[in-house]
Protein backbone atom coordinates (compact mmCIF):
# COMPACT_ATOMS: atom_id res chain seq x y z
CA UNK A 1 -12.03 55.04 -26.20
CA UNK A 2 -10.94 58.40 -27.52
CA UNK A 3 -12.57 60.18 -30.46
CA UNK A 4 -9.98 58.89 -32.99
CA UNK A 5 -10.52 55.28 -31.84
CA UNK A 6 -14.23 55.74 -32.09
CA UNK A 7 -13.89 56.97 -35.66
CA UNK A 8 -11.75 54.04 -36.59
CA UNK A 9 -14.16 51.65 -34.88
CA UNK A 10 -17.08 53.18 -36.79
CA UNK A 11 -15.37 52.62 -40.08
CA UNK A 12 -14.77 48.99 -39.16
CA UNK A 13 -18.37 48.63 -38.00
CA UNK A 14 -19.74 49.75 -41.34
CA UNK A 15 -17.26 47.48 -43.21
CA UNK A 16 -18.24 44.31 -41.29
CA UNK A 17 -21.92 45.04 -41.49
CA UNK A 18 -21.54 45.00 -45.28
CA UNK A 19 -19.06 42.12 -45.43
CA UNK A 20 -21.04 39.75 -43.23
CA UNK A 21 -24.47 40.99 -44.54
CA UNK A 22 -25.63 42.09 -41.11
CA UNK A 23 -28.82 43.99 -40.20
CA UNK A 24 -28.54 46.40 -37.23
CA UNK A 25 -30.85 45.55 -34.38
CA UNK A 26 -30.46 48.33 -31.92
CA UNK A 27 -28.10 51.16 -31.05
CA UNK A 28 -24.33 50.70 -30.96
CA UNK A 29 -22.53 51.28 -27.69
CA UNK A 30 -19.01 51.46 -26.34
CA UNK A 31 -17.00 49.89 -23.61
CA UNK A 32 -13.51 51.15 -22.58
CA UNK A 33 -11.90 49.43 -25.50
CA UNK A 34 -14.61 48.13 -27.90
CA UNK A 35 -17.56 49.08 -30.06
CA UNK A 36 -20.55 46.83 -29.79
CA UNK A 37 -23.44 46.67 -32.24
CA UNK A 38 -26.51 44.46 -31.87
CA UNK A 39 -27.24 42.82 -35.27
CA UNK A 40 -29.11 40.07 -37.06
CA UNK A 41 -27.01 37.48 -38.81
CA UNK A 42 -28.70 34.80 -40.97
CA UNK A 43 -31.77 35.07 -38.76
CA UNK A 44 -29.87 34.87 -35.53
CA UNK A 45 -29.53 37.56 -32.92
CA UNK A 46 -25.84 38.51 -32.62
CA UNK A 47 -23.36 41.16 -31.45
CA UNK A 48 -20.73 42.71 -33.66
CA UNK A 49 -17.73 43.54 -31.53
CA UNK A 50 -15.03 45.89 -32.81
CA UNK A 51 -12.11 45.66 -30.34
CA UNK A 52 -9.59 48.50 -30.41
CA UNK A 53 -6.89 46.96 -28.25
CA UNK A 54 -4.53 44.14 -29.31
CA UNK A 55 -5.33 42.14 -26.20
CA UNK A 56 -9.06 42.29 -26.96
CA UNK A 57 -8.45 41.25 -30.57
CA UNK A 58 -6.47 38.23 -29.47
CA UNK A 59 -9.26 37.24 -27.11
CA UNK A 60 -11.48 36.65 -30.18
CA UNK A 61 -9.21 33.72 -31.11
CA UNK A 62 -9.88 32.07 -27.80
CA UNK A 63 -13.65 32.67 -28.04
CA UNK A 64 -13.61 30.82 -31.42
CA UNK A 65 -11.51 28.04 -29.82
CA UNK A 66 -14.15 27.50 -27.11
CA UNK A 67 -16.47 26.62 -30.00
CA UNK A 68 -19.58 27.48 -27.97
CA UNK A 69 -18.69 25.01 -25.19
CA UNK A 70 -19.19 26.98 -22.02
CA UNK A 71 -18.91 30.21 -23.98
CA UNK A 72 -20.99 32.29 -26.39
CA UNK A 73 -20.84 30.93 -29.94
CA UNK A 74 -18.79 32.65 -32.51
CA UNK A 75 -20.45 33.08 -35.89
CA UNK A 76 -17.48 34.74 -37.64
CA UNK A 77 -14.26 36.55 -36.73
CA UNK A 78 -11.19 38.26 -38.16
CA UNK A 79 -8.27 39.95 -36.49
CA UNK A 80 -10.31 43.15 -36.29
CA UNK A 81 -13.85 41.99 -35.53
CA UNK A 82 -15.87 39.35 -33.74
CA UNK A 83 -19.43 38.25 -34.39
CA UNK A 84 -20.98 36.58 -31.33
CA UNK A 85 -24.34 35.06 -30.60
CA UNK A 86 -26.37 37.55 -28.64
CA UNK A 87 -27.24 35.86 -25.32
CA UNK A 88 -30.80 36.50 -24.08
CA UNK A 89 -32.22 35.28 -20.81
CA UNK A 90 -34.94 35.94 -18.24
CA UNK A 91 -32.68 34.92 -15.34
CA UNK A 92 -31.21 37.77 -13.22
CA UNK A 93 -27.62 38.60 -13.88
CA UNK A 94 -25.00 37.45 -11.44
CA UNK A 95 -24.62 41.00 -10.18
CA UNK A 96 -28.34 41.27 -9.70
CA UNK A 97 -28.25 38.02 -7.78
CA UNK A 98 -25.65 39.40 -5.44
CA UNK A 99 -27.66 42.58 -4.95
CA UNK A 100 -30.66 40.41 -4.06
CA UNK A 101 -28.66 38.62 -1.32
CA UNK A 102 -27.64 35.57 -3.49
CA UNK A 103 -23.89 36.13 -3.37
CA UNK A 104 -23.09 32.49 -2.48
CA UNK A 105 -25.32 31.14 -5.31
CA UNK A 106 -23.66 33.48 -7.81
CA UNK A 107 -20.29 32.24 -6.81
CA UNK A 108 -21.51 28.61 -7.16
CA UNK A 109 -22.61 29.34 -10.70
CA UNK A 110 -19.17 30.87 -11.56
CA UNK A 111 -17.43 27.81 -10.18
CA UNK A 112 -19.53 25.49 -12.23
CA UNK A 113 -18.80 27.49 -15.39
CA UNK A 114 -15.03 27.46 -14.64
CA UNK A 115 -15.11 23.68 -14.10
CA UNK A 116 -16.57 23.28 -17.61
CA UNK A 117 -14.04 25.73 -19.16
CA UNK A 118 -11.04 23.97 -17.52
CA UNK A 119 -12.12 20.48 -18.72
CA UNK A 120 -9.68 18.93 -21.25
CA UNK A 121 -10.45 19.66 -24.88
CA UNK A 122 -9.52 17.58 -27.93
CA UNK A 123 -8.42 20.52 -30.08
CA UNK A 124 -5.23 22.25 -29.01
CA UNK A 125 -5.16 26.08 -29.40
CA UNK A 126 -3.40 27.39 -32.44
CA UNK A 127 -2.77 30.81 -30.97
CA UNK A 128 -0.23 32.12 -28.50
CA UNK A 129 -1.08 31.73 -24.89
CA UNK A 130 0.15 34.18 -22.27
CA UNK A 131 1.93 32.70 -19.27
CA UNK A 132 1.13 33.95 -15.79
CA UNK A 133 4.76 35.07 -15.53
CA UNK A 134 4.09 37.42 -18.44
CA UNK A 135 0.77 38.46 -17.08
CA UNK A 136 2.27 39.56 -13.80
CA UNK A 137 5.05 41.63 -15.35
CA UNK A 138 3.52 44.94 -14.19
CA UNK A 139 3.47 43.95 -10.59
CA UNK A 140 7.25 44.01 -9.94
CA UNK A 141 7.86 47.71 -10.84
CA UNK A 142 4.61 48.59 -8.99
CA UNK A 143 5.91 46.89 -5.84
CA UNK A 144 8.99 49.09 -5.92
CA UNK A 145 6.98 52.25 -6.77
CA UNK A 146 4.17 51.85 -4.27
CA UNK A 147 5.55 49.53 -1.62
CA UNK A 148 3.28 48.63 1.32
CA UNK A 149 0.53 46.05 0.59
CA UNK A 150 1.43 45.84 -3.10
CA UNK A 151 4.97 44.84 -2.18
CA UNK A 152 3.60 42.10 0.05
CA UNK A 153 1.35 40.89 -2.73
CA UNK A 154 4.30 40.81 -5.07
CA UNK A 155 6.38 38.80 -2.61
CA UNK A 156 3.66 36.24 -2.48
CA UNK A 157 3.11 36.31 -6.27
CA UNK A 158 6.73 35.39 -6.82
CA UNK A 159 6.24 32.32 -4.65
CA UNK A 160 3.08 31.30 -6.46
CA UNK A 161 4.57 31.71 -9.91
CA UNK A 162 7.53 29.49 -8.90
CA UNK A 163 5.31 26.80 -7.53
CA UNK A 164 3.83 24.64 -10.27
CA UNK A 165 0.40 23.10 -9.61
CA UNK A 166 -2.36 22.19 -12.05
CA UNK A 167 -1.39 24.05 -15.22
CA UNK A 168 -4.30 24.56 -17.61
CA UNK A 169 -5.65 27.04 -20.24
CA UNK A 170 -7.24 29.97 -18.34
CA UNK A 171 -9.95 32.41 -19.16
CA UNK A 172 -8.02 35.06 -17.26
CA UNK A 173 -10.81 37.53 -16.43
CA UNK A 174 -13.62 35.61 -14.74
CA UNK A 175 -16.02 37.86 -12.96
CA UNK A 176 -19.74 38.45 -12.59
CA UNK A 177 -20.09 40.68 -15.68
CA UNK A 178 -18.29 38.15 -17.93
CA UNK A 179 -20.65 35.29 -17.40
CA UNK A 180 -24.09 35.77 -19.03
CA UNK A 181 -27.26 33.70 -19.04
CA UNK A 182 -29.09 32.44 -22.07
CA UNK A 183 -32.53 30.82 -21.76
CA UNK A 184 -31.56 28.08 -24.19
CA UNK A 185 -27.92 27.43 -23.34
CA UNK A 186 -27.51 28.53 -19.72
CA UNK A 187 -24.52 30.35 -18.22
CA UNK A 188 -21.73 31.18 -20.69
CA UNK A 189 -18.53 33.30 -20.61
CA UNK A 190 -17.36 36.06 -22.81
CA UNK A 191 -14.15 38.14 -23.04
CA UNK A 192 -11.32 35.68 -22.29
CA UNK A 193 -7.64 36.71 -21.95
CA UNK A 194 -6.08 33.47 -23.30
CA UNK A 195 -3.79 32.73 -20.40
CA UNK A 196 -2.07 29.54 -19.35
CA UNK A 197 -1.01 28.69 -15.79
CA UNK A 198 -2.15 27.40 -12.43
CA UNK A 199 -5.88 26.54 -12.49
CA UNK A 200 -6.44 28.27 -9.13
CA UNK A 201 -5.65 31.65 -10.61
CA UNK A 202 -8.94 31.75 -12.55
CA UNK A 203 -10.91 31.69 -9.26
CA UNK A 204 -9.12 34.65 -7.67
CA UNK A 205 -11.10 37.41 -9.37
CA UNK A 206 -14.41 36.11 -8.02
CA UNK A 207 -13.40 37.45 -4.66
CA UNK A 208 -12.84 40.95 -6.06
CA UNK A 209 -16.25 41.30 -7.58
CA UNK A 210 -18.89 42.47 -8.27
CA UNK A 211 -18.56 45.73 -6.33
CA UNK A 212 -16.53 47.39 -3.58
CA UNK A 213 -19.29 47.12 -0.96
CA UNK A 214 -19.72 43.35 -1.44
CA UNK A 215 -15.97 42.70 -1.64
CA UNK A 216 -15.27 44.33 1.68
CA UNK A 217 -18.35 43.18 3.51
CA UNK A 218 -17.27 41.72 6.94
CA UNK A 219 -17.09 37.94 6.80
CA UNK A 220 -17.69 37.69 3.14
CA UNK A 221 -14.09 36.75 2.13
CA UNK A 222 -13.77 33.98 4.66
CA UNK A 223 -17.13 32.47 3.67
CA UNK A 224 -16.28 32.57 -0.02
CA UNK A 225 -12.84 31.13 0.53
CA UNK A 226 -14.19 28.08 2.29
CA UNK A 227 -16.92 27.50 -0.34
CA UNK A 228 -14.92 28.13 -3.50
CA UNK A 229 -11.90 26.05 -2.37
CA UNK A 230 -14.33 23.16 -1.67
CA UNK A 231 -16.21 23.47 -4.95
CA UNK A 232 -13.07 23.97 -7.04
CA UNK A 233 -11.11 21.19 -5.25
CA UNK A 234 -8.24 23.59 -4.47
CA UNK A 235 -6.40 23.87 -1.17
CA UNK A 236 -7.64 26.96 0.60
CA UNK A 237 -4.23 28.24 1.46
CA UNK A 238 -3.10 27.94 -2.13
CA UNK A 239 -6.23 29.71 -3.35
CA UNK A 240 -5.80 32.43 -0.69
CA UNK A 241 -2.30 33.17 -1.91
CA UNK A 242 -3.45 33.58 -5.52
CA UNK A 243 -6.18 35.98 -4.36
CA UNK A 244 -3.50 38.06 -2.63
CA UNK A 245 -1.27 37.96 -5.78
CA UNK A 246 -4.14 38.96 -8.02
CA UNK A 247 -5.21 41.81 -5.73
CA UNK A 248 -1.73 43.28 -6.00
CA UNK A 249 -1.69 43.05 -9.81
CA UNK A 250 -5.20 44.43 -10.20
CA UNK A 251 -4.39 47.35 -7.88
CA UNK A 252 -1.19 48.04 -9.78
CA UNK A 253 -3.00 48.37 -13.10
CA UNK A 254 -5.57 50.75 -11.56
CA UNK A 255 -2.97 52.91 -9.94
CA UNK A 256 -0.82 53.04 -13.08
CA UNK A 257 -3.74 53.82 -15.41
CA UNK A 258 -6.82 54.96 -13.50
CA UNK A 259 -10.15 55.32 -15.28
CA UNK A 260 -12.80 57.89 -14.14
CA UNK A 261 -14.52 56.70 -10.99
CA UNK A 262 -12.18 53.74 -10.55
CA UNK A 263 -10.05 53.25 -7.51
CA UNK A 264 -7.85 50.43 -6.06
CA UNK A 265 -9.48 50.66 -2.69
CA UNK A 266 -11.29 47.35 -2.75
CA UNK A 267 -8.32 45.45 -4.18
CA UNK A 268 -6.01 46.85 -1.52
CA UNK A 269 -8.58 46.38 1.22
CA UNK A 270 -9.20 42.79 0.20
CA UNK A 271 -5.41 42.13 0.05
CA UNK A 272 -5.07 43.30 3.60
CA UNK A 273 -7.96 41.04 4.78
CA UNK A 274 -6.39 38.10 2.97
CA UNK A 275 -2.92 38.73 4.28
CA UNK A 276 -4.22 38.96 7.82
CA UNK A 277 -6.15 35.70 7.37
CA UNK A 278 -3.05 34.00 5.91
CA UNK A 279 -1.11 34.77 9.11
CA UNK A 280 -3.62 32.64 11.05
CA UNK A 281 -2.97 29.59 8.82
CA UNK A 282 -0.25 27.11 9.52
CA UNK A 283 1.27 27.71 6.10
CA UNK A 284 3.50 30.84 6.32
CA UNK A 285 3.96 33.44 3.58
CA UNK A 286 7.53 32.31 2.85
């Protein structure tokens, strides 16, 4: 966030603290696109989120739609602000679990959370969902611009997008930092992207996290592929192709708009591993 965005976010922070009668309960802090303020709301620990990007604002609608089922509860929201329950737990985070040698167990937890999120819901969303065709729009010009591995990822992404499998409402950004533990309610997601498309897509980002060293550790990808495809009930070749497609898109975003300290090395490296593995399968790329 630049200084102007921070100023605007601060004005909104003060407005919603007054509007929702919140009491601050710690220092505010910033992410790349949001201001976050720990607060107390009607005796409950909460987080006031002021998103500064349209995509983040729209995600608030999906958080409310989850209605606390597999996700953090929403106490209040508007187009410009989101008031979430503040999750608090004694369990190590998923990233801490990976660092402690529990990578497989962390992935099992993510798969369990996704299974709950993907379960049918009685209430249909009243907000616009983004199709995977729309979500992948940046990959096609990137394939022309950068070529190489990204072009191979794009080729496979085209095939996946034209092949209809289990279409469902997707979180769209499932990774180790977007699933938090609460001592009362267990593992819950935050920060959805309100997508709709092939169910397998939501599992692809697990392979690209939580850090470069883990992602590219020899043998890790093959082990994760077997386990996740089994737990999710998704054909491993189908899942493998979505991982390749996602790696290309993620790398494209990073190359087109790099943030300090961020590189596309792990996405590109994982794509190469996955493409090599795919060649050993009976199912060809085309």
